[in-house]
Amino acid sequence: RICSGEEHVYTISPTVKNSYTWSVTGKGRVVQITDTATRISFPGTGEDTLIVTEIPPCGLPAYDTLVVRVDPVPRPQLGKDTTLCRSDTLQLDAGIPGAEYTWTNAARTQSIMVSQAGTYGVQVKRSGCTGSDSVRVFVNDYPRPALGPDTAFCPGESLLLGGNSGTASSYRWFPGG
């Protein structure tokens, strides 16, 4: 088995003074070729057939074929980097059911729950092919609004309050705190 995107070299042991030609059917492409070796690139998936033709100085050509199965590389998608609030949790799912999973936290399940800041990565292996992805998780503390010290003021006067928390993106005011 070969994984999509790989290149492989195939060689033959020459006999006498015969010459050889190489070809491939399917999505495979001949990248480099010599008389007795060829490098094939397999960008797609499915079956490709490698054909080598032995051409003797006299007589009829002989053919040999090799069917190559090209499997897809698993492509887990953990999503964009994200930010959580301190008590939130996030489920990271590698997708690709039935594969083998290895997370950076040593878990071996398809999905994990995270609540701590860090970079979480997963390596997914299926049919001998391996793909990976990672995501960064940031954790913010809850905003702590600071209105300043308690203040007394007389009826008819006004007081300007500012809710500077340093991290809040919006404020919602209500009386009676």
C-alpha atoms as a PDB file:
ATOM      1  CA  ARG A   1       0.000   0.000   0.000  1.00  0.00           C
ATOM      2  CA  ILE A   2       1.041   3.514  -0.780  1.00  0.00           C
ATOM      3  CA  CYS A   3      -0.277   6.776   0.617  1.00  0.00           C
ATOM      4  CA  SER A   4      -1.467   9.575  -1.623  1.00  0.00           C
ATOM      5  CA  GLY A   5       1.242  12.155  -2.214  1.00  0.00           C
ATOM      6  CA  GLU A   6       4.142   9.711  -1.892  1.00  0.00           C
ATOM      7  CA  GLU A   7       6.807   8.846  -4.448  1.00  0.00           C
ATOM      8  CA  HIS A   8       8.308   5.377  -4.856  1.00  0.00           C
ATOM      9  CA  VAL A   9      11.224   4.006  -6.841  1.00  0.00           C
ATOM     10  CA  TYR A  10      10.827   0.743  -8.755  1.00  0.00           C
ATOM     11  CA  THR A  11      13.756  -1.151 -10.233  1.00  0.00           C
ATOM     12  CA  ILE A  12      14.349  -4.264 -12.312  1.00  0.00           C
ATOM     13  CA  SER A  13      17.379  -6.492 -12.846  1.00  0.00           C
ATOM     14  CA  PRO A  14      18.274  -6.221 -16.510  1.00  0.00           C
ATOM     15  CA  THR A  15      18.913  -9.252 -18.650  1.00  0.00           C
ATOM     16  CA  VAL A  16      21.298  -9.353 -21.579  1.00  0.00           C
ATOM     17  CA  LYS A  17      21.208  -6.153 -23.639  1.00  0.00           C
ATOM     18  CA  ASN A  18      17.500  -5.567 -23.564  1.00  0.00           C
ATOM     19  CA  SER A  19      16.044  -2.098 -23.146  1.00  0.00           C
ATOM     20  CA  TYR A  20      13.067  -1.192 -20.985  1.00  0.00           C
ATOM     21  CA  THR A  21      10.245   1.335 -21.010  1.00  0.00           C
ATOM     22  CA  TRP A  22       8.092   2.362 -18.071  1.00  0.00           C
ATOM     23  CA  SER A  23       4.548   3.693 -17.914  1.00  0.00           C
ATOM     24  CA  VAL A  24       1.800   4.087 -15.351  1.00  0.00           C
ATOM     25  CA  THR A  25      -1.973   4.173 -15.679  1.00  0.00           C
ATOM     26  CA  GLY A  26      -4.357   5.888 -13.300  1.00  0.00           C
ATOM     27  CA  LYS A  27      -3.369   9.073 -11.484  1.00  0.00           C
ATOM     28  CA  GLY A  28       0.291   8.146 -10.995  1.00  0.00           C
ATOM     29  CA  ARG A  29       2.973  10.142 -12.807  1.00  0.00           C
ATOM     30  CA  VAL A  30       6.451   9.105 -13.904  1.00  0.00           C
ATOM     31  CA  VAL A  31       8.799  11.615 -12.256  1.00  0.00           C
ATOM     32  CA  GLN A  32      12.193  10.186 -13.159  1.00  0.00           C
ATOM     33  CA  ILE A  33      13.164   7.321 -15.380  1.00  0.00           C
ATOM     34  CA  THR A  34      16.233   5.335 -16.372  1.00  0.00           C
ATOM     35  CA  ASP A  35      16.446   2.132 -18.323  1.00  0.00           C
ATOM     36  CA  THR A  36      16.210  -0.067 -15.218  1.00  0.00           C
ATOM     37  CA  ALA A  37      14.492   2.192 -12.654  1.00  0.00           C
ATOM     38  CA  THR A  38      11.661   4.650 -12.407  1.00  0.00           C
ATOM     39  CA  ARG A  39      10.344   7.048  -9.764  1.00  0.00           C
ATOM     40  CA  ILE A  40       6.554   7.315  -9.676  1.00  0.00           C
ATOM     41  CA  SER A  41       4.543   9.998  -7.897  1.00  0.00           C
ATOM     42  CA  PHE A  42       1.070   9.044  -6.630  1.00  0.00           C
ATOM     43  CA  PRO A  43      -0.932  12.262  -6.145  1.00  0.00           C
ATOM     44  CA  GLY A  44      -4.399  10.669  -6.132  1.00  0.00           C
ATOM     45  CA  THR A  45      -6.095   7.661  -4.599  1.00  0.00           C
ATOM     46  CA  GLY A  46      -7.362   4.394  -6.052  1.00  0.00           C
ATOM     47  CA  GLU A  47      -5.495   1.868  -8.157  1.00  0.00           C
ATOM     48  CA  ASP A  48      -2.617   2.588 -10.492  1.00  0.00           C
ATOM     49  CA  THR A  49      -0.875   0.068 -12.718  1.00  0.00           C
ATOM     50  CA  LEU A  50       2.857   0.249 -13.304  1.00  0.00           C
ATOM     51  CA  ILE A  51       3.892  -1.318 -16.619  1.00  0.00           C
ATOM     52  CA  VAL A  52       7.455  -2.207 -17.590  1.00  0.00           C
ATOM     53  CA  THR A  53       8.135  -3.360 -21.111  1.00  0.00           C
ATOM     54  CA  GLU A  54      11.252  -5.394 -21.912  1.00  0.00           C
ATOM     55  CA  ILE A  55      12.364  -4.836 -25.470  1.00  0.00           C
ATOM     56  CA  PRO A  56      14.879  -7.417 -26.739  1.00  0.00           C
ATOM     57  CA  PRO A  57      17.132  -6.653 -29.706  1.00  0.00           C
ATOM     58  CA  CYS A  58      15.320  -9.419 -31.554  1.00  0.00           C
ATOM     59  CA  GLY A  59      11.904 -10.859 -30.910  1.00  0.00           C
ATOM     60  CA  LEU A  60       8.741  -9.642 -29.290  1.00  0.00           C
ATOM     61  CA  PRO A  61       8.485  -7.315 -26.269  1.00  0.00           C
ATOM     62  CA  ALA A  62       7.548  -8.751 -22.880  1.00  0.00           C
ATOM     63  CA  TYR A  63       5.418  -6.920 -20.334  1.00  0.00           C
ATOM     64  CA  ASP A  64       5.130  -7.023 -16.579  1.00  0.00           C
ATOM     65  CA  THR A  65       2.629  -5.117 -14.498  1.00  0.00           C
ATOM     66  CA  LEU A  66       2.236  -4.189 -10.862  1.00  0.00           C
ATOM     67  CA  VAL A  67      -1.073  -2.956  -9.475  1.00  0.00           C
ATOM     68  CA  VAL A  68      -0.538  -0.362  -6.767  1.00  0.00           C
ATOM     69  CA  ARG A  69      -3.282   0.586  -4.325  1.00  0.00           C
ATOM     70  CA  VAL A  70      -3.024   4.239  -3.264  1.00  0.00           C
ATOM     71  CA  ASP A  71      -4.834   5.087  -0.023  1.00  0.00           C
ATOM     72  CA  PRO A  72      -5.847   8.575   1.085  1.00  0.00           C
ATOM     73  CA  VAL A  73      -3.907  10.345   3.809  1.00  0.00           C
ATOM     74  CA  PRO A  74      -6.289  11.069   6.716  1.00  0.00           C
ATOM     75  CA  ARG A  75      -6.801  14.801   7.220  1.00  0.00           C
ATOM     76  CA  PRO A  76      -8.059  15.561  10.731  1.00  0.00           C
ATOM     77  CA  GLN A  77      -9.579  19.041  11.118  1.00  0.00           C
ATOM     78  CA  LEU A  78      -9.387  20.371  14.679  1.00  0.00           C
ATOM     79  CA  GLY A  79     -10.538  23.825  13.636  1.00  0.00           C
ATOM     80  CA  LYS A  80      -9.163  27.288  14.244  1.00  0.00           C
ATOM     81  CA  ASP A  81      -7.276  28.372  17.343  1.00  0.00           C
ATOM     82  CA  THR A  82      -9.801  29.265  20.020  1.00  0.00           C
ATOM     83  CA  THR A  83     -10.210  31.050  23.344  1.00  0.00           C
ATOM     84  CA  LEU A  84     -12.185  29.725  26.308  1.00  0.00           C
ATOM     85  CA  CYS A  85     -13.353  31.305  29.531  1.00  0.00           C
ATOM     86  CA  ARG A  86     -11.770  29.857  32.679  1.00  0.00           C
ATOM     87  CA  SER A  87     -14.478  27.246  33.473  1.00  0.00           C
ATOM     88  CA  ASP A  88     -15.345  26.268  29.893  1.00  0.00           C
ATOM     89  CA  THR A  89     -14.399  23.010  28.199  1.00  0.00           C
ATOM     90  CA  LEU A  90     -13.934  22.294  24.530  1.00  0.00           C
ATOM     91  CA  GLN A  91     -14.303  18.990  22.695  1.00  0.00           C
ATOM     92  CA  LEU A  92     -11.663  18.383  20.052  1.00  0.00           C
ATOM     93  CA  ASP A  93     -12.672  15.704  17.552  1.00  0.00           C
ATOM     94  CA  ALA A  94     -10.195  14.266  15.051  1.00  0.00           C
ATOM     95  CA  GLY A  95     -13.019  12.813  12.942  1.00  0.00           C
ATOM     96  CA  ILE A  96     -12.120   9.906  10.674  1.00  0.00           C
ATOM     97  CA  PRO A  97     -13.943   7.083  12.518  1.00  0.00           C
ATOM     98  CA  GLY A  98     -12.182   3.757  12.831  1.00  0.00           C
ATOM     99  CA  ALA A  99      -8.655   5.171  12.657  1.00  0.00           C
ATOM    100  CA  GLU A 100      -5.862   5.060  15.229  1.00  0.00           C
ATOM    101  CA  TYR A 101      -5.378   8.292  17.186  1.00  0.00           C
ATOM    102  CA  THR A 102      -2.425   9.634  19.137  1.00  0.00           C
ATOM    103  CA  TRP A 103      -2.948  12.989  20.884  1.00  0.00           C
ATOM    104  CA  THR A 104      -0.178  15.131  22.319  1.00  0.00           C
ATOM    105  CA  ASN A 105      -1.674  14.503  25.772  1.00  0.00           C
ATOM    106  CA  ALA A 106      -1.245  10.714  25.160  1.00  0.00           C
ATOM    107  CA  ALA A 107      -4.982  10.056  24.671  1.00  0.00           C
ATOM    108  CA  ARG A 108      -5.841   7.443  22.022  1.00  0.00           C
ATOM    109  CA  THR A 109      -9.504   8.284  21.419  1.00  0.00           C
ATOM    110  CA  GLN A 110     -11.194  10.019  18.497  1.00  0.00           C
ATOM    111  CA  SER A 111     -12.025  13.065  20.633  1.00  0.00           C
ATOM    112  CA  ILE A 112     -10.799  14.678  23.835  1.00  0.00           C
ATOM    113  CA  MET A 113     -12.133  17.341  26.206  1.00  0.00           C
ATOM    114  CA  VAL A 114      -9.797  20.227  27.049  1.00  0.00           C
ATOM    115  CA  SER A 115     -10.040  23.094  29.519  1.00  0.00           C
ATOM    116  CA  GLN A 116      -6.411  24.162  29.842  1.00  0.00           C
ATOM    117  CA  ALA A 117      -4.452  26.519  27.614  1.00  0.00           C
ATOM    118  CA  GLY A 118      -1.972  24.858  25.282  1.00  0.00           C
ATOM    119  CA  THR A 119      -1.388  23.393  21.861  1.00  0.00           C
ATOM    120  CA  TYR A 120      -3.259  20.150  21.254  1.00  0.00           C
ATOM    121  CA  GLY A 121      -2.283  17.957  18.344  1.00  0.00           C
ATOM    122  CA  VAL A 122      -3.454  14.643  16.987  1.00  0.00           C
ATOM    123  CA  GLN A 123      -1.883  12.132  14.644  1.00  0.00           C
ATOM    124  CA  VAL A 124      -4.382   9.928  12.801  1.00  0.00           C
ATOM    125  CA  LYS A 125      -3.376   6.670  11.123  1.00  0.00           C
ATOM    126  CA  ARG A 126      -5.598   4.668   8.784  1.00  0.00           C
ATOM    127  CA  SER A 127      -4.622   2.016   6.233  1.00  0.00           C
ATOM    128  CA  GLY A 128      -0.960   2.695   6.977  1.00  0.00           C
ATOM    129  CA  CYS A 129      -1.270   6.393   6.085  1.00  0.00           C
ATOM    130  CA  THR A 130      -0.811   9.132   8.675  1.00  0.00           C
ATOM    131  CA  GLY A 131      -2.075  12.711   8.879  1.00  0.00           C
ATOM    132  CA  SER A 132      -2.048  15.280  11.648  1.00  0.00           C
ATOM    133  CA  ASP A 133      -3.441  18.608  12.824  1.00  0.00           C
ATOM    134  CA  SER A 134      -3.088  20.848  15.849  1.00  0.00           C
ATOM    135  CA  VAL A 135      -4.951  23.716  17.474  1.00  0.00           C
ATOM    136  CA  ARG A 136      -3.985  26.289  20.092  1.00  0.00           C
ATOM    137  CA  VAL A 137      -6.358  26.849  22.995  1.00  0.00           C
ATOM    138  CA  PHE A 138      -6.179  30.026  25.054  1.00  0.00           C
ATOM    139  CA  VAL A 139      -7.958  30.492  28.387  1.00  0.00           C
ATOM    140  CA  ASN A 140      -9.096  33.890  29.657  1.00  0.00           C
ATOM    141  CA  ASP A 141      -9.865  34.700  33.265  1.00  0.00           C
ATOM    142  CA  TYR A 142     -13.263  36.135  34.029  1.00  0.00           C
ATOM    143  CA  PRO A 143     -13.299  39.932  33.803  1.00  0.00           C
ATOM    144  CA  ARG A 144     -13.152  41.660  37.193  1.00  0.00           C
ATOM    145  CA  PRO A 145     -14.795  45.064  36.856  1.00  0.00           C
ATOM    146  CA  ALA A 146     -13.294  47.743  39.096  1.00  0.00           C
ATOM    147  CA  LEU A 147     -15.700  50.551  39.876  1.00  0.00           C
ATOM    148  CA  GLY A 148     -13.424  52.112  42.470  1.00  0.00           C
ATOM    149  CA  PRO A 149     -14.158  52.754  46.146  1.00  0.00           C
ATOM    150  CA  ASP A 150     -17.699  53.128  47.505  1.00  0.00           C
ATOM    151  CA  THR A 151     -18.814  56.740  47.093  1.00  0.00           C
ATOM    152  CA  ALA A 152     -21.560  58.789  48.743  1.00  0.00           C
ATOM    153  CA  PHE A 153     -23.272  61.555  46.863  1.00  0.00           C
ATOM    154  CA  CYS A 154     -26.299  63.745  47.433  1.00  0.00           C
ATOM    155  CA  PRO A 155     -29.650  63.597  45.621  1.00  0.00           C
ATOM    156  CA  GLY A 156     -29.519  65.577  42.406  1.00  0.00           C
ATOM    157  CA  GLU A 157     -25.820  64.982  41.958  1.00  0.00           C
ATOM    158  CA  SER A 158     -24.451  62.514  39.422  1.00  0.00           C
ATOM    159  CA  LEU A 159     -21.574  60.152  39.493  1.00  0.00           C
ATOM    160  CA  LEU A 160     -19.720  58.824  36.454  1.00  0.00           C
ATOM    161  CA  LEU A 161     -18.968  55.114  36.759  1.00  0.00           C
ATOM    162  CA  GLY A 162     -16.434  53.312  34.583  1.00  0.00           C
ATOM    163  CA  GLY A 163     -16.281  49.526  34.459  1.00  0.00           C
ATOM    164  CA  ASN A 164     -12.619  49.103  33.629  1.00  0.00           C
ATOM    165  CA  SER A 165     -11.870  45.391  33.816  1.00  0.00           C
ATOM    166  CA  GLY A 166      -8.960  45.378  31.397  1.00  0.00           C
ATOM    167  CA  THR A 167     -10.286  42.380  29.420  1.00  0.00           C
ATOM    168  CA  ALA A 168     -14.048  42.883  28.947  1.00  0.00           C
ATOM    169  CA  SER A 169     -15.289  43.597  25.457  1.00  0.00           C
ATOM    170  CA  SER A 170     -18.738  44.837  26.538  1.00  0.00           C
ATOM    171  CA  TYR A 171     -20.566  45.782  29.724  1.00  0.00           C
ATOM    172  CA  ARG A 172     -24.069  45.257  31.048  1.00  0.00           C
ATOM    173  CA  TRP A 173     -25.114  47.540  33.885  1.00  0.00           C
ATOM    174  CA  PHE A 174     -27.778  46.765  36.460  1.00  0.00           C
ATOM    175  CA  PRO A 175     -28.658  48.341  39.832  1.00  0.00           C
ATOM    176  CA  GLY A 176     -28.440  46.559  43.147  1.00  0.00           C
ATOM    177  CA  GLY A 177     -25.223  44.669  42.358  1.00  0.00           C
END
